[in-house]
């Protein structure tokens, strides 16, 4: 019988895709439009894993560089520097 402590486990993390300045500018426009026009967006960001949630942006914290994504069943503070993708929900 082998014991768990006899094995060595390493977490394998693939490199995250780089978000270019043009893509970041487009994502920021979609986020600001969600605040002004009150429509839902899909957001992907890196936390401990890649998270993907949808909701309406209700607040933007410029000091901490994050925004509040709100849905009936949850609230997420998404860090802007960890965003991977933002899309409008139709």
N, C-alpha and C. Protein backbone atom coordinates (compact mmCIF):
# COMPACT_ATOMS: atom_id res chain seq x y z
N UNK A 1 0.84 -1.17 0.00
CA UNK A 1 0.00 0.00 0.00
C UNK A 1 0.90 1.24 0.00
N UNK A 2 0.61 2.18 -0.90
CA UNK A 2 1.38 3.42 -0.93
C UNK A 2 0.61 4.51 -0.23
N UNK A 3 1.31 5.37 0.38
CA UNK A 3 0.69 6.48 1.08
C UNK A 3 0.74 7.73 0.22
N UNK A 4 -0.20 8.61 0.44
CA UNK A 4 -0.31 9.83 -0.35
C UNK A 4 0.95 10.69 -0.24
N UNK A 5 1.55 10.76 0.94
CA UNK A 5 2.72 11.63 1.11
C UNK A 5 3.95 11.11 0.37
N UNK A 6 3.91 9.89 -0.13
CA UNK A 6 5.03 9.36 -0.90
C UNK A 6 5.05 9.89 -2.33
N UNK A 7 3.97 10.46 -2.77
CA UNK A 7 3.87 10.97 -4.13
C UNK A 7 4.06 12.48 -4.15
N UNK A 8 4.59 12.95 -5.26
CA UNK A 8 4.81 14.39 -5.41
C UNK A 8 3.87 14.90 -6.50
N UNK A 9 3.04 15.87 -6.18
CA UNK A 9 2.09 16.42 -7.13
C UNK A 9 2.46 17.85 -7.46
N UNK A 10 2.39 18.17 -8.74
CA UNK A 10 2.64 19.54 -9.18
C UNK A 10 1.44 20.01 -9.97
N UNK A 11 1.06 21.23 -9.71
CA UNK A 11 -0.04 21.82 -10.46
C UNK A 11 0.51 22.30 -11.80
N UNK A 12 -0.10 21.87 -12.87
CA UNK A 12 0.32 22.29 -14.21
C UNK A 12 -0.58 23.44 -14.64
N UNK A 13 0.04 24.57 -14.94
CA UNK A 13 -0.72 25.74 -15.35
C UNK A 13 -0.23 26.15 -16.73
N UNK A 14 -1.16 26.18 -17.67
CA UNK A 14 -0.82 26.64 -19.02
C UNK A 14 -0.70 28.16 -19.00
N UNK A 15 0.15 28.72 -19.82
CA UNK A 15 0.24 30.19 -19.85
C UNK A 15 -1.06 30.81 -20.34
N UNK A 16 -1.44 31.89 -19.70
CA UNK A 16 -2.67 32.58 -20.07
C UNK A 16 -2.48 33.36 -21.36
N UNK A 17 -3.54 33.46 -22.15
CA UNK A 17 -3.42 34.27 -23.37
C UNK A 17 -3.22 35.74 -23.01
N UNK A 18 -2.38 36.40 -23.76
CA UNK A 18 -2.12 37.82 -23.53
C UNK A 18 -3.25 38.66 -24.12
N UNK A 19 -3.71 39.63 -23.38
CA UNK A 19 -4.75 40.55 -23.84
C UNK A 19 -4.05 41.80 -24.34
N UNK A 20 -4.24 42.10 -25.61
CA UNK A 20 -3.60 43.27 -26.21
C UNK A 20 -4.30 44.56 -25.83
N UNK A 21 -3.65 45.69 -26.06
CA UNK A 21 -4.25 46.98 -25.70
C UNK A 21 -5.54 47.28 -26.47
N UNK A 22 -5.64 46.84 -27.73
CA UNK A 22 -6.88 47.07 -28.49
C UNK A 22 -8.02 46.25 -27.93
N UNK A 23 -7.74 44.99 -27.56
CA UNK A 23 -8.76 44.13 -26.97
C UNK A 23 -9.21 44.67 -25.62
N UNK A 24 -8.26 45.16 -24.83
CA UNK A 24 -8.58 45.72 -23.53
C UNK A 24 -9.46 46.96 -23.67
N UNK A 25 -9.18 47.80 -24.66
CA UNK A 25 -9.99 48.99 -24.90
C UNK A 25 -11.42 48.60 -25.29
N UNK A 26 -11.58 47.58 -26.14
CA UNK A 26 -12.91 47.10 -26.52
C UNK A 26 -13.67 46.54 -25.32
N UNK A 27 -12.96 45.79 -24.47
CA UNK A 27 -13.61 45.24 -23.28
C UNK A 27 -14.07 46.34 -22.34
N UNK A 28 -13.25 47.38 -22.18
CA UNK A 28 -13.63 48.51 -21.31
C UNK A 28 -14.86 49.23 -21.85
N UNK A 29 -14.98 49.37 -23.16
CA UNK A 29 -16.15 50.01 -23.75
C UNK A 29 -17.40 49.19 -23.46
N UNK A 30 -17.31 47.87 -23.61
CA UNK A 30 -18.47 47.00 -23.34
C UNK A 30 -18.86 47.09 -21.87
N UNK A 31 -17.88 47.15 -20.97
CA UNK A 31 -18.17 47.26 -19.53
C UNK A 31 -18.86 48.58 -19.22
N UNK A 32 -18.35 49.69 -19.74
CA UNK A 32 -18.98 50.99 -19.48
C UNK A 32 -20.38 51.06 -20.10
N UNK A 33 -20.58 50.46 -21.26
CA UNK A 33 -21.91 50.42 -21.86
C UNK A 33 -22.88 49.60 -21.02
N UNK A 34 -22.40 48.53 -20.38
CA UNK A 34 -23.25 47.73 -19.51
C UNK A 34 -23.74 48.55 -18.32
N UNK A 35 -22.88 49.44 -17.81
CA UNK A 35 -23.29 50.32 -16.70
C UNK A 35 -24.33 51.33 -17.18
N UNK A 36 -24.04 51.98 -18.31
CA UNK A 36 -24.92 53.06 -18.78
C UNK A 36 -26.24 52.55 -19.33
N UNK A 37 -26.19 51.46 -20.10
CA UNK A 37 -27.39 50.98 -20.80
C UNK A 37 -28.05 49.79 -20.12
N UNK A 38 -27.46 49.31 -19.01
CA UNK A 38 -28.03 48.25 -18.18
C UNK A 38 -28.30 46.97 -18.97
N UNK A 39 -27.29 46.49 -19.71
CA UNK A 39 -27.44 45.19 -20.38
C UNK A 39 -26.40 44.20 -19.87
N UNK A 40 -26.70 42.92 -20.06
CA UNK A 40 -25.86 41.85 -19.53
C UNK A 40 -24.64 41.61 -20.42
N UNK A 41 -23.56 41.16 -19.76
CA UNK A 41 -22.34 40.80 -20.47
C UNK A 41 -21.82 39.46 -19.93
N UNK A 42 -21.03 38.76 -20.75
CA UNK A 42 -20.27 37.58 -20.32
C UNK A 42 -18.86 38.05 -20.05
N UNK A 43 -18.29 37.60 -18.93
CA UNK A 43 -16.93 37.99 -18.58
C UNK A 43 -16.14 36.73 -18.22
N UNK A 44 -14.94 36.61 -18.79
CA UNK A 44 -14.00 35.56 -18.41
C UNK A 44 -12.80 36.23 -17.76
N UNK A 45 -12.35 35.67 -16.63
CA UNK A 45 -11.18 36.21 -15.96
C UNK A 45 -10.45 35.08 -15.23
N UNK A 46 -9.21 35.34 -14.90
CA UNK A 46 -8.39 34.35 -14.21
C UNK A 46 -8.42 34.62 -12.73
N UNK A 47 -8.86 33.63 -11.96
CA UNK A 47 -8.82 33.71 -10.51
C UNK A 47 -7.84 32.62 -10.08
N UNK A 48 -8.28 31.56 -9.47
CA UNK A 48 -7.44 30.37 -9.28
C UNK A 48 -7.55 29.48 -10.50
N UNK A 49 -8.61 29.71 -11.23
CA UNK A 49 -8.86 29.01 -12.49
C UNK A 49 -9.46 30.06 -13.42
N UNK A 50 -9.85 29.67 -14.60
CA UNK A 50 -10.52 30.63 -15.49
C UNK A 50 -12.00 30.60 -15.18
N UNK A 51 -12.53 31.72 -14.74
CA UNK A 51 -13.95 31.85 -14.39
C UNK A 51 -14.68 32.51 -15.54
N UNK A 52 -15.93 32.12 -15.74
CA UNK A 52 -16.78 32.75 -16.75
C UNK A 52 -18.16 32.92 -16.13
N UNK A 53 -18.59 34.16 -16.02
CA UNK A 53 -19.90 34.49 -15.46
C UNK A 53 -20.55 35.55 -16.33
N UNK A 54 -21.85 35.68 -16.19
CA UNK A 54 -22.56 36.74 -16.89
C UNK A 54 -23.36 37.52 -15.87
N UNK A 55 -23.66 38.77 -16.23
CA UNK A 55 -24.44 39.64 -15.36
C UNK A 55 -24.36 41.07 -15.88
N UNK A 56 -24.87 41.99 -15.08
CA UNK A 56 -24.87 43.42 -15.42
C UNK A 56 -23.87 44.12 -14.52
N UNK A 57 -23.07 45.01 -15.09
CA UNK A 57 -22.09 45.76 -14.31
C UNK A 57 -22.84 46.88 -13.57
N UNK A 58 -22.73 46.87 -12.25
CA UNK A 58 -23.43 47.86 -11.43
C UNK A 58 -22.51 48.90 -10.80
N UNK A 59 -21.22 48.60 -10.71
CA UNK A 59 -20.30 49.53 -10.07
C UNK A 59 -18.89 49.28 -10.60
N UNK A 60 -18.12 50.34 -10.72
CA UNK A 60 -16.72 50.24 -11.12
C UNK A 60 -15.88 50.92 -10.05
N UNK A 61 -14.97 50.16 -9.45
CA UNK A 61 -14.07 50.69 -8.43
C UNK A 61 -12.73 51.02 -9.11
N UNK A 62 -12.52 52.29 -9.40
CA UNK A 62 -11.31 52.70 -10.13
C UNK A 62 -10.06 52.64 -9.26
N UNK A 63 -10.22 52.77 -7.95
CA UNK A 63 -9.06 52.71 -7.06
C UNK A 63 -8.47 51.29 -7.01
N UNK A 64 -9.34 50.29 -6.87
CA UNK A 64 -8.89 48.90 -6.81
C UNK A 64 -8.87 48.22 -8.17
N UNK A 65 -9.26 48.94 -9.21
CA UNK A 65 -9.29 48.45 -10.60
C UNK A 65 -10.07 47.15 -10.73
N UNK A 66 -11.36 47.21 -10.31
CA UNK A 66 -12.25 46.07 -10.45
C UNK A 66 -13.67 46.58 -10.65
N UNK A 67 -14.53 45.70 -11.15
CA UNK A 67 -15.93 46.09 -11.31
C UNK A 67 -16.85 45.02 -10.75
N UNK A 68 -18.06 45.45 -10.40
CA UNK A 68 -19.04 44.59 -9.74
C UNK A 68 -20.00 44.03 -10.78
N UNK A 69 -19.98 42.72 -10.97
CA UNK A 69 -20.87 42.03 -11.89
C UNK A 69 -21.99 41.41 -11.07
N UNK A 70 -23.24 41.77 -11.40
CA UNK A 70 -24.38 41.38 -10.57
C UNK A 70 -25.37 40.54 -11.39
N UNK A 71 -25.85 39.49 -10.74
CA UNK A 71 -26.89 38.64 -11.30
C UNK A 71 -27.81 38.27 -10.14
N UNK A 72 -28.97 37.74 -10.40
CA UNK A 72 -29.93 37.41 -9.34
C UNK A 72 -29.32 36.44 -8.33
N UNK A 73 -28.52 35.48 -8.81
CA UNK A 73 -27.99 34.46 -7.92
C UNK A 73 -26.53 34.67 -7.51
N UNK A 74 -25.97 35.85 -7.77
CA UNK A 74 -24.59 36.07 -7.34
C UNK A 74 -24.05 37.45 -7.67
N UNK A 75 -22.95 37.79 -7.00
CA UNK A 75 -22.24 39.04 -7.21
C UNK A 75 -20.75 38.72 -7.25
N UNK A 76 -20.04 39.25 -8.23
CA UNK A 76 -18.61 39.02 -8.38
C UNK A 76 -17.90 40.35 -8.58
N UNK A 77 -16.77 40.53 -7.90
CA UNK A 77 -15.89 41.66 -8.15
C UNK A 77 -14.78 41.14 -9.07
N UNK A 78 -14.77 41.62 -10.30
CA UNK A 78 -13.84 41.14 -11.32
C UNK A 78 -12.67 42.10 -11.43
N UNK A 79 -11.44 41.62 -11.19
CA UNK A 79 -10.26 42.48 -11.36
C UNK A 79 -9.99 42.76 -12.84
N UNK A 80 -9.84 44.01 -13.18
CA UNK A 80 -9.69 44.40 -14.58
C UNK A 80 -8.40 43.83 -15.18
N UNK A 81 -7.32 43.77 -14.41
CA UNK A 81 -6.07 43.27 -14.97
C UNK A 81 -6.07 41.76 -15.20
N UNK A 82 -7.07 41.04 -14.68
CA UNK A 82 -7.15 39.60 -14.87
C UNK A 82 -8.22 39.19 -15.88
N UNK A 83 -8.84 40.17 -16.54
CA UNK A 83 -9.87 39.86 -17.54
C UNK A 83 -9.25 39.20 -18.76
N UNK A 84 -9.97 38.23 -19.32
CA UNK A 84 -9.53 37.55 -20.52
C UNK A 84 -10.44 37.86 -21.70
N UNK A 85 -11.76 37.97 -21.42
CA UNK A 85 -12.72 38.20 -22.50
C UNK A 85 -13.98 38.83 -21.94
N UNK A 86 -14.58 39.74 -22.70
CA UNK A 86 -15.85 40.36 -22.34
C UNK A 86 -16.70 40.41 -23.60
N UNK A 87 -17.95 39.93 -23.49
CA UNK A 87 -18.87 39.91 -24.63
C UNK A 87 -20.23 40.40 -24.17
N UNK A 88 -20.93 41.07 -25.07
CA UNK A 88 -22.30 41.49 -24.79
C UNK A 88 -23.23 40.28 -24.96
N UNK A 89 -24.21 40.13 -24.06
CA UNK A 89 -25.21 39.06 -24.15
C UNK A 89 -26.39 39.60 -24.95
N UNK A 90 -26.77 38.88 -26.00
CA UNK A 90 -27.91 39.31 -26.82
C UNK A 90 -29.14 38.52 -26.52
